Amino acid sequence: MRAISDNVSMLNLKVGRLGELSNAIKINSLCQRDSISTYVGAKYESSIGRWHNIALASLASFKYPSNIAASERYFLEDIVDNPIISKDGCVYPSNEIGGGARIDYEKLSYYTTESIQCKI
């Protein structure tokens, strides 16, 4: 990471591209160590991903606004029963366990085109 820090002043973290929230937190810590600013990018994700992005963006080390909009900006209907809502131009983190998303299983079933079951 230090090799690029001379050329990088800001990094856009996208949780979906990093595989999971813990990877984004690790990269954010490395950036913080090397004085690289971070913000969260999140456009075309359902509220499941958006709730996690908001949780990440609410960490104290994030100093810049993140690209997280209300669900209705991109979706007519979401697959959660608590979509992201903008209040006075801001979105706020949830106090709920698990990032905040409450999956609406009826909607999820309606929009599911194919599924598989994996035996563990």
C-alpha atoms as a PDB file:
ATOM      1  CA  MET A   1       0.000   0.000   0.000  1.00  0.00           C
ATOM      2  CA  ARG A   2       2.801   2.438   0.779  1.00  0.00           C
ATOM      3  CA  ALA A   3       4.079   2.163  -2.774  1.00  0.00           C
ATOM      4  CA  ILE A   4       0.993   3.872  -4.143  1.00  0.00           C
ATOM      5  CA  SER A   5       0.317   6.306  -1.321  1.00  0.00           C
ATOM      6  CA  ASP A   6       2.553   8.957  -2.917  1.00  0.00           C
ATOM      7  CA  ASN A   7       0.265   8.966  -5.954  1.00  0.00           C
ATOM      8  CA  VAL A   8      -3.118   8.437  -4.295  1.00  0.00           C
ATOM      9  CA  SER A   9      -4.879  10.936  -2.084  1.00  0.00           C
ATOM     10  CA  MET A  10      -8.392   9.430  -2.069  1.00  0.00           C
ATOM     11  CA  LEU A  11      -9.875   5.977  -2.615  1.00  0.00           C
ATOM     12  CA  ASN A  12     -13.459   4.992  -3.421  1.00  0.00           C
ATOM     13  CA  LEU A  13     -14.361   1.797  -1.522  1.00  0.00           C
ATOM     14  CA  LYS A  14     -17.061  -0.410  -3.050  1.00  0.00           C
ATOM     15  CA  VAL A  15     -18.005  -3.186  -0.635  1.00  0.00           C
ATOM     16  CA  GLY A  16     -19.528  -5.363  -3.373  1.00  0.00           C
ATOM     17  CA  ARG A  17     -16.288  -5.347  -5.354  1.00  0.00           C
ATOM     18  CA  LEU A  18     -14.185  -6.076  -2.273  1.00  0.00           C
ATOM     19  CA  GLY A  19     -16.123  -9.227  -1.432  1.00  0.00           C
ATOM     20  CA  GLU A  20     -17.378  -8.307   2.009  1.00  0.00           C
ATOM     21  CA  LEU A  21     -17.567  -5.565   4.617  1.00  0.00           C
ATOM     22  CA  SER A  22     -14.545  -6.821   6.593  1.00  0.00           C
ATOM     23  CA  ASN A  23     -12.293  -6.411   3.520  1.00  0.00           C
ATOM     24  CA  ALA A  24     -13.479  -2.819   3.085  1.00  0.00           C
ATOM     25  CA  ILE A  25     -12.758  -2.115   6.765  1.00  0.00           C
ATOM     26  CA  LYS A  26      -9.226  -3.574   6.427  1.00  0.00           C
ATOM     27  CA  ILE A  27      -8.495  -1.496   3.327  1.00  0.00           C
ATOM     28  CA  ASN A  28      -9.887   1.597   5.028  1.00  0.00           C
ATOM     29  CA  SER A  29      -7.516   0.984   7.963  1.00  0.00           C
ATOM     30  CA  LEU A  30      -4.542   0.718   5.585  1.00  0.00           C
ATOM     31  CA  CYS A  31      -5.611   3.926   3.866  1.00  0.00           C
ATOM     32  CA  GLN A  32      -5.995   5.685   7.202  1.00  0.00           C
ATOM     33  CA  ARG A  33      -2.482   4.537   8.187  1.00  0.00           C
ATOM     34  CA  ASP A  34      -1.063   5.993   4.955  1.00  0.00           C
ATOM     35  CA  SER A  35      -3.132   9.223   5.068  1.00  0.00           C
ATOM     36  CA  ILE A  36      -5.298   8.251   2.089  1.00  0.00           C
ATOM     37  CA  SER A  37      -8.862   9.549   2.370  1.00  0.00           C
ATOM     38  CA  THR A  38     -11.720   7.144   1.662  1.00  0.00           C
ATOM     39  CA  TYR A  39     -15.366   7.357   0.725  1.00  0.00           C
ATOM     40  CA  VAL A  40     -17.999   4.746  -0.127  1.00  0.00           C
ATOM     41  CA  GLY A  41     -19.339   4.303  -3.635  1.00  0.00           C
ATOM     42  CA  ALA A  42     -22.706   2.601  -3.976  1.00  0.00           C
ATOM     43  CA  LYS A  43     -25.063   3.279  -6.846  1.00  0.00           C
ATOM     44  CA  TYR A  44     -27.010   0.350  -8.208  1.00  0.00           C
ATOM     45  CA  GLU A  45     -27.350  -1.865  -5.155  1.00  0.00           C
ATOM     46  CA  SER A  46     -30.464  -3.030  -3.384  1.00  0.00           C
ATOM     47  CA  SER A  47     -31.007  -1.815   0.150  1.00  0.00           C
ATOM     48  CA  ILE A  48     -29.297  -4.954   1.483  1.00  0.00           C
ATOM     49  CA  GLY A  49     -25.981  -3.670   0.140  1.00  0.00           C
ATOM     50  CA  ARG A  50     -26.832  -0.039   0.786  1.00  0.00           C
ATOM     51  CA  TRP A  51     -27.398  -0.631   4.516  1.00  0.00           C
ATOM     52  CA  HIS A  52     -23.917  -2.146   4.741  1.00  0.00           C
ATOM     53  CA  ASN A  53     -22.452   0.754   2.760  1.00  0.00           C
ATOM     54  CA  ILE A  54     -24.058   3.234   5.139  1.00  0.00           C
ATOM     55  CA  ALA A  55     -22.623   1.349   8.128  1.00  0.00           C
ATOM     56  CA  LEU A  56     -19.152   1.535   6.553  1.00  0.00           C
ATOM     57  CA  ALA A  57     -19.504   5.222   5.645  1.00  0.00           C
ATOM     58  CA  SER A  58     -20.527   6.034   9.224  1.00  0.00           C
ATOM     59  CA  LEU A  59     -17.113   5.011  10.608  1.00  0.00           C
ATOM     60  CA  ALA A  60     -15.271   7.987  12.097  1.00  0.00           C
ATOM     61  CA  SER A  61     -12.383   7.637   9.624  1.00  0.00           C
ATOM     62  CA  PHE A  62     -14.612   8.577   6.657  1.00  0.00           C
ATOM     63  CA  LYS A  63     -14.330  12.349   6.251  1.00  0.00           C
ATOM     64  CA  TYR A  64     -16.051  12.853   2.894  1.00  0.00           C
ATOM     65  CA  PRO A  65     -19.648  12.359   1.769  1.00  0.00           C
ATOM     66  CA  SER A  66     -20.302   8.980   0.236  1.00  0.00           C
ATOM     67  CA  ASN A  67     -22.280   8.105  -2.881  1.00  0.00           C
ATOM     68  CA  ILE A  68     -25.250   6.419  -1.178  1.00  0.00           C
ATOM     69  CA  ALA A  69     -28.686   7.544  -2.295  1.00  0.00           C
ATOM     70  CA  ALA A  70     -32.206   6.570  -1.310  1.00  0.00           C
ATOM     71  CA  SER A  71     -33.420   3.249  -2.737  1.00  0.00           C
ATOM     72  CA  GLU A  72     -36.241   4.913  -4.659  1.00  0.00           C
ATOM     73  CA  ARG A  73     -33.709   6.771  -6.779  1.00  0.00           C
ATOM     74  CA  TYR A  74     -32.829   3.536  -8.581  1.00  0.00           C
ATOM     75  CA  PHE A  75     -35.633   1.074  -7.784  1.00  0.00           C
ATOM     76  CA  LEU A  76     -39.413   1.260  -8.000  1.00  0.00           C
ATOM     77  CA  GLU A  77     -39.568  -1.514  -5.424  1.00  0.00           C
ATOM     78  CA  ASP A  78     -36.814  -2.993  -3.269  1.00  0.00           C
ATOM     79  CA  ILE A  79     -36.496  -6.465  -1.722  1.00  0.00           C
ATOM     80  CA  VAL A  80     -36.461  -5.186   1.860  1.00  0.00           C
ATOM     81  CA  ASP A  81     -39.261  -3.864   4.016  1.00  0.00           C
ATOM     82  CA  ASN A  82     -37.115  -0.939   5.187  1.00  0.00           C
ATOM     83  CA  PRO A  83     -35.655   0.722   2.075  1.00  0.00           C
ATOM     84  CA  ILE A  84     -33.087   3.498   2.390  1.00  0.00           C
ATOM     85  CA  ILE A  85     -34.878   6.834   2.736  1.00  0.00           C
ATOM     86  CA  SER A  86     -33.316  10.243   2.270  1.00  0.00           C
ATOM     87  CA  LYS A  87     -34.114  12.833   4.943  1.00  0.00           C
ATOM     88  CA  ASP A  88     -33.080  16.396   4.108  1.00  0.00           C
ATOM     89  CA  GLY A  89     -30.596  15.061   1.547  1.00  0.00           C
ATOM     90  CA  CYS A  90     -28.960  12.600   3.943  1.00  0.00           C
ATOM     91  CA  VAL A  91     -29.226   8.881   4.650  1.00  0.00           C
ATOM     92  CA  TYR A  92     -28.697   7.607   8.179  1.00  0.00           C
ATOM     93  CA  PRO A  93     -27.325   4.356   9.630  1.00  0.00           C
ATOM     94  CA  SER A  94     -29.621   1.809  11.189  1.00  0.00           C
ATOM     95  CA  ASN A  95     -29.474   0.752  14.823  1.00  0.00           C
ATOM     96  CA  GLU A  96     -30.572  -2.754  13.859  1.00  0.00           C
ATOM     97  CA  ILE A  97     -28.298  -5.786  14.089  1.00  0.00           C
ATOM     98  CA  GLY A  98     -26.819  -7.058  10.825  1.00  0.00           C
ATOM     99  CA  GLY A  99     -26.436  -3.798   8.965  1.00  0.00           C
ATOM    100  CA  GLY A 100     -30.102  -2.857   9.070  1.00  0.00           C
ATOM    101  CA  ALA A 101     -31.626  -4.667   6.094  1.00  0.00           C
ATOM    102  CA  ARG A 102     -34.858  -6.557   6.752  1.00  0.00           C
ATOM    103  CA  ILE A 103     -35.423  -8.835   3.756  1.00  0.00           C
ATOM    104  CA  ASP A 104     -38.972  -9.050   2.420  1.00  0.00           C
ATOM    105  CA  TYR A 105     -39.007 -12.732   1.456  1.00  0.00           C
ATOM    106  CA  GLU A 106     -42.206 -12.424  -0.596  1.00  0.00           C
ATOM    107  CA  LYS A 107     -40.627  -9.741  -2.804  1.00  0.00           C
ATOM    108  CA  LEU A 108     -37.378 -11.692  -2.974  1.00  0.00           C
ATOM    109  CA  SER A 109     -39.281 -14.779  -4.122  1.00  0.00           C
ATOM    110  CA  TYR A 110     -41.229 -12.728  -6.679  1.00  0.00           C
ATOM    111  CA  TYR A 111     -38.046 -11.336  -8.279  1.00  0.00           C
ATOM    112  CA  THR A 112     -36.018 -14.548  -8.070  1.00  0.00           C
ATOM    113  CA  THR A 113     -35.571 -16.068 -11.535  1.00  0.00           C
ATOM    114  CA  GLU A 114     -33.408 -19.030 -10.530  1.00  0.00           C
ATOM    115  CA  SER A 115     -32.086 -20.547  -7.325  1.00  0.00           C
ATOM    116  CA  ILE A 116     -29.903 -23.452  -6.275  1.00  0.00           C
ATOM    117  CA  GLN A 117     -29.410 -25.194  -2.947  1.00  0.00           C
ATOM    118  CA  CYS A 118     -25.941 -26.057  -1.745  1.00  0.00           C
ATOM    119  CA  LYS A 119     -25.411 -28.872   0.698  1.00  0.00           C
ATOM    120  CA  ILE A 120     -22.971 -28.101   3.452  1.00  0.00           C
END
